[in-house]
Amino acid sequence: MEIVFVSGTGTEVGKTYVAQQLAVAKRSAGVRVGVYKPVASGCIRQPRNSETNSATPAAPLLSSDATALWEAAGRPWNLDAVCPQRFEASVAPDEAARRSRQRVDVDLLTRGADRWRDHCDTLIIEGAGGLLSPIADDLLNIDLFRRFQDAELYLVAANRLGVIHEVIATCRAAALSQVSVSRLYLSATGPTADESSPTNAEQIRRWLPELDVRKVSWGQVHWGRGLV
């Protein structure tokens, strides 16, 4: 099973969108695609009664990111397999778990991915937050990535002013942990670009010539070979 781990330079940079489009493109190419969100925070409770729209503490939690990934991949297996650990507070997963008097199950983070082996040829994993964000007690996203042997790391960054620093800092920090970034997706954050966006990719390539940099336009849904 091929594993692609999608992480970011931070939160709200376009990780889920990039992971979705990768799933759609691979699925269109005839690949059996699985999607996995090891843990999610900021989840919402599903209403138990659609008429009153009332929710109870026992109502199940839903991750909008996990649902989007599942839909993009053609609804493989089930949502619990896509995201087995879900927490309500909109903070880092380890803190969200503490606020609900729980802990992130570290073994399940990797075990949940292993369960996909009989269900897909390529598994796209989306981390939580940035590459150096905590995902569990004493575990960062980069530490989780290192547990997946032969996985490729795709980094997503928002194509806006400041991204050059964010990408260089993240890649250099990764290198200190003996982790290399296979690919960078420079993602548009809105329909209107700032003055830096046309030249950010060129600048990043100059500072990181070994990095495969790919630009994603706002709302781009047809991904050819240049992006997949």
Protein backbone atom coordinates (compact mmCIF):
# COMPACT_ATOMS: atom_id res chain seq x y z
CA MET A 1 0.00 0.00 0.00
CA GLU A 2 1.39 3.37 -1.06
CA ILE A 3 1.09 6.05 1.63
CA VAL A 4 0.97 9.79 0.98
CA PHE A 5 1.04 11.99 4.09
CA VAL A 6 -0.35 15.49 3.54
CA SER A 7 0.72 18.09 6.07
CA GLY A 8 1.04 21.86 6.10
CA THR A 9 3.11 24.80 7.21
CA GLY A 10 0.23 25.63 9.55
CA THR A 11 -3.51 25.40 9.85
CA GLU A 12 -6.03 26.65 7.27
CA VAL A 13 -3.51 26.49 4.41
CA GLY A 14 -5.47 24.15 2.10
CA LYS A 15 -4.46 20.67 3.28
CA THR A 16 -7.91 19.16 3.01
CA TYR A 17 -8.51 20.66 -0.43
CA VAL A 18 -5.20 19.31 -1.75
CA ALA A 19 -5.84 15.88 -0.22
CA GLN A 20 -9.34 15.86 -1.74
CA GLN A 21 -8.07 16.67 -5.22
CA LEU A 22 -5.33 14.06 -4.98
CA ALA A 23 -7.96 11.48 -4.08
CA VAL A 24 -10.20 12.52 -6.97
CA ALA A 25 -7.33 12.42 -9.47
CA LYS A 26 -6.05 9.03 -8.36
CA ARG A 27 -9.55 7.61 -8.33
CA SER A 28 -10.12 8.92 -11.87
CA ALA A 29 -6.91 7.11 -12.90
CA GLY A 30 -8.37 3.82 -11.66
CA VAL A 31 -6.50 3.66 -8.35
CA ARG A 32 -8.26 2.27 -5.28
CA VAL A 33 -7.95 5.20 -2.90
CA GLY A 34 -8.29 5.25 0.86
CA VAL A 35 -8.33 8.40 2.98
CA TYR A 36 -7.35 8.68 6.61
CA LYS A 37 -7.57 11.49 9.15
CA PRO A 38 -5.90 9.92 12.23
CA VAL A 39 -7.43 12.40 14.65
CA ALA A 40 -9.58 15.50 14.32
CA SER A 41 -10.54 18.31 16.67
CA GLY A 42 -13.17 20.99 16.17
CA CYS A 43 -15.73 18.31 15.39
CA ILE A 44 -19.47 18.98 15.58
CA ARG A 45 -22.19 16.92 17.17
CA GLN A 46 -24.76 15.50 14.79
CA PRO A 47 -28.33 16.36 15.76
CA ARG A 48 -30.27 13.34 16.97
CA ASN A 49 -33.62 14.80 16.05
CA SER A 50 -33.77 16.42 12.63
CA GLU A 51 -37.11 18.08 13.44
CA THR A 52 -35.97 19.89 16.56
CA ASN A 53 -32.29 20.00 15.57
CA SER A 54 -31.47 19.14 19.17
CA ALA A 55 -28.18 17.55 20.15
CA THR A 56 -27.30 15.59 23.26
CA PRO A 57 -23.90 14.85 24.81
CA ALA A 58 -24.20 11.31 23.48
CA ALA A 59 -24.66 12.45 19.88
CA PRO A 60 -21.79 11.32 17.62
CA LEU A 61 -19.09 13.76 16.60
CA LEU A 62 -18.52 14.52 12.93
CA SER A 63 -15.33 15.83 11.31
CA SER A 64 -16.11 17.99 8.28
CA ASP A 65 -12.58 17.43 6.91
CA ALA A 66 -12.92 13.66 7.20
CA THR A 67 -16.30 13.76 5.49
CA ALA A 68 -14.89 15.85 2.63
CA LEU A 69 -12.03 13.38 2.15
CA TRP A 70 -14.40 10.42 2.23
CA GLU A 71 -16.67 11.97 -0.39
CA ALA A 72 -13.71 12.82 -2.65
CA ALA A 73 -12.46 9.25 -2.50
CA GLY A 74 -15.86 7.83 -3.45
CA ARG A 75 -16.98 6.90 0.07
CA PRO A 76 -14.63 3.95 0.66
CA TRP A 77 -15.27 1.76 3.72
CA ASN A 78 -16.85 4.03 6.38
CA LEU A 79 -16.38 7.35 8.18
CA ASP A 80 -15.22 5.75 11.42
CA ALA A 81 -12.36 4.14 9.48
CA VAL A 82 -11.53 7.49 7.90
CA CYS A 83 -11.35 9.29 11.25
CA PRO A 84 -11.47 6.99 14.29
CA GLN A 85 -10.59 9.67 16.87
CA ARG A 86 -12.73 12.80 17.02
CA PHE A 87 -12.86 15.58 19.61
CA GLU A 88 -15.06 18.62 19.97
CA ALA A 89 -12.87 21.54 21.10
CA SER A 90 -11.31 23.61 18.30
CA VAL A 91 -7.76 23.32 19.61
CA ALA A 92 -4.85 20.96 19.00
CA PRO A 93 -6.00 17.30 19.23
CA ASP A 94 -4.04 16.53 22.40
CA GLU A 95 -5.61 19.51 24.19
CA ALA A 96 -9.05 18.76 22.74
CA ALA A 97 -8.79 15.25 24.13
CA ARG A 98 -7.78 16.54 27.57
CA ARG A 99 -10.76 18.91 27.62
CA SER A 100 -13.04 15.93 27.10
CA ARG A 101 -11.19 13.98 29.81
CA GLN A 102 -9.67 11.63 27.29
CA ARG A 103 -6.30 11.06 25.64
CA VAL A 104 -5.39 10.56 22.00
CA ASP A 105 -4.72 6.84 21.48
CA VAL A 106 -1.21 6.94 19.99
CA ASP A 107 -1.23 3.29 18.91
CA LEU A 108 -4.54 3.79 17.10
CA LEU A 109 -3.01 6.63 15.05
CA THR A 110 -0.92 4.09 13.13
CA ARG A 111 -3.12 1.04 13.65
CA GLY A 112 -6.01 2.85 12.00
CA ALA A 113 -3.89 3.32 8.87
CA ASP A 114 -2.83 -0.34 8.80
CA ARG A 115 -6.49 -1.36 8.70
CA TRP A 116 -6.76 0.18 5.24
CA ARG A 117 -4.29 -2.26 3.64
CA ASP A 118 -7.01 -4.57 2.33
CA HIS A 119 -9.20 -1.69 1.20
CA CYS A 120 -6.97 0.47 -0.99
CA ASP A 121 -3.83 0.67 -3.11
CA THR A 122 -3.01 4.25 -2.10
CA LEU A 123 -3.79 5.73 1.29
CA ILE A 124 -3.87 9.52 1.59
CA ILE A 125 -3.33 10.61 5.19
CA GLU A 126 -4.12 14.16 6.26
CA GLY A 127 -2.39 15.33 9.43
CA ALA A 128 -3.83 17.77 11.95
CA GLY A 129 -2.54 21.33 11.76
CA GLY A 130 1.04 21.97 10.69
CA LEU A 131 3.91 19.51 10.36
CA LEU A 132 5.28 20.60 13.73
CA SER A 133 1.90 20.83 15.48
CA PRO A 134 1.13 18.42 18.35
CA ILE A 135 -1.15 15.54 17.42
CA ALA A 136 -0.99 13.62 20.71
CA ASP A 137 0.78 13.78 24.05
CA ASP A 138 4.53 13.93 23.27
CA LEU A 139 3.90 13.44 19.54
CA LEU A 140 4.03 15.95 16.68
CA ASN A 141 2.71 15.39 13.16
CA ILE A 142 6.27 14.90 11.93
CA ASP A 143 6.78 12.14 14.51
CA LEU A 144 3.64 10.39 13.28
CA PHE A 145 4.83 10.64 9.68
CA ARG A 146 8.09 8.92 10.61
CA ARG A 147 6.12 5.91 11.84
CA PHE A 148 4.88 5.19 8.32
CA GLN A 149 7.65 3.37 6.49
CA ASP A 150 8.29 4.49 2.88
CA ALA A 151 5.57 7.15 3.05
CA GLU A 152 5.90 10.31 0.98
CA LEU A 153 5.45 13.70 2.62
CA TYR A 154 3.52 16.38 0.74
CA LEU A 155 3.59 19.83 2.29
CA VAL A 156 0.85 22.40 1.68
CA ALA A 157 1.42 26.12 2.14
CA ALA A 158 -0.78 29.15 1.51
CA ASN A 159 0.45 31.19 -1.45
CA ARG A 160 0.57 34.57 0.26
CA LEU A 161 3.02 37.01 1.79
CA GLY A 162 5.19 35.23 4.37
CA VAL A 163 5.04 31.79 2.78
CA ILE A 164 8.71 31.80 1.79
CA HIS A 165 9.73 31.93 5.45
CA GLU A 166 7.08 29.36 6.43
CA VAL A 167 8.24 26.83 3.82
CA ILE A 168 11.98 27.27 4.41
CA ALA A 169 11.54 27.06 8.19
CA THR A 170 9.35 23.95 7.96
CA CYS A 171 11.64 22.16 5.48
CA ARG A 172 14.78 22.94 7.49
CA ALA A 173 13.12 21.80 10.71
CA ALA A 174 12.06 18.59 8.93
CA ALA A 175 15.62 18.01 7.72
CA LEU A 176 16.88 18.21 11.30
CA SER A 177 14.57 15.25 12.03
CA GLN A 178 15.91 13.38 8.98
CA VAL A 179 12.64 13.96 7.13
CA SER A 180 12.53 15.16 3.55
CA VAL A 181 9.57 16.86 1.92
CA SER A 182 8.77 15.15 -1.39
CA ARG A 183 6.53 17.86 -2.76
CA LEU A 184 5.19 21.32 -1.95
CA TYR A 185 1.72 22.45 -2.97
CA LEU A 186 1.53 26.23 -3.00
CA SER A 187 -2.19 26.77 -2.61
CA ALA A 188 -4.17 29.92 -3.41
CA THR A 189 -6.16 31.06 -0.39
CA GLY A 190 -8.81 33.06 -2.22
CA PRO A 191 -9.91 34.41 -5.60
CA THR A 192 -7.74 37.51 -5.19
CA ALA A 193 -3.98 37.06 -4.86
CA ASP A 194 -1.59 39.43 -3.11
CA GLU A 195 1.50 40.94 -4.75
CA SER A 196 3.79 38.15 -3.58
CA SER A 197 1.85 35.19 -4.98
CA PRO A 198 3.13 35.32 -8.59
CA THR A 199 6.77 35.07 -7.47
CA ASN A 200 6.60 32.99 -4.27
CA ALA A 201 7.15 29.69 -6.09
CA GLU A 202 10.21 31.03 -7.92
CA GLN A 203 11.66 32.36 -4.67
CA ILE A 204 11.10 29.06 -2.87
CA ARG A 205 12.74 27.13 -5.71
CA ARG A 206 15.77 29.40 -5.45
CA TRP A 207 16.20 28.71 -1.75
CA LEU A 208 15.16 25.04 -1.92
CA PRO A 209 16.21 23.89 -5.42
CA GLU A 210 15.65 20.20 -4.59
CA LEU A 211 11.99 20.77 -3.67
CA ASP A 212 9.25 19.88 -6.16
CA VAL A 213 7.01 22.97 -6.05
CA ARG A 214 3.53 22.88 -7.58
CA LYS A 215 1.06 25.78 -7.67
CA VAL A 216 -2.65 25.28 -7.07
CA SER A 217 -5.00 27.96 -8.34
CA TRP A 218 -8.10 29.05 -6.45
CA GLY A 219 -10.90 26.56 -7.08
CA GLN A 220 -8.77 24.43 -9.41
CA VAL A 221 -10.54 21.09 -9.78
CA HIS A 222 -8.97 19.53 -12.88
CA TRP A 223 -5.58 18.23 -11.88
CA GLY A 224 -3.31 17.04 -14.68
CA ARG A 225 0.09 15.42 -14.45
CA GLY A 226 1.65 18.67 -13.36
CA LEU A 227 -0.17 18.52 -10.03
CA VAL A 228 -0.72 14.83 -9.23
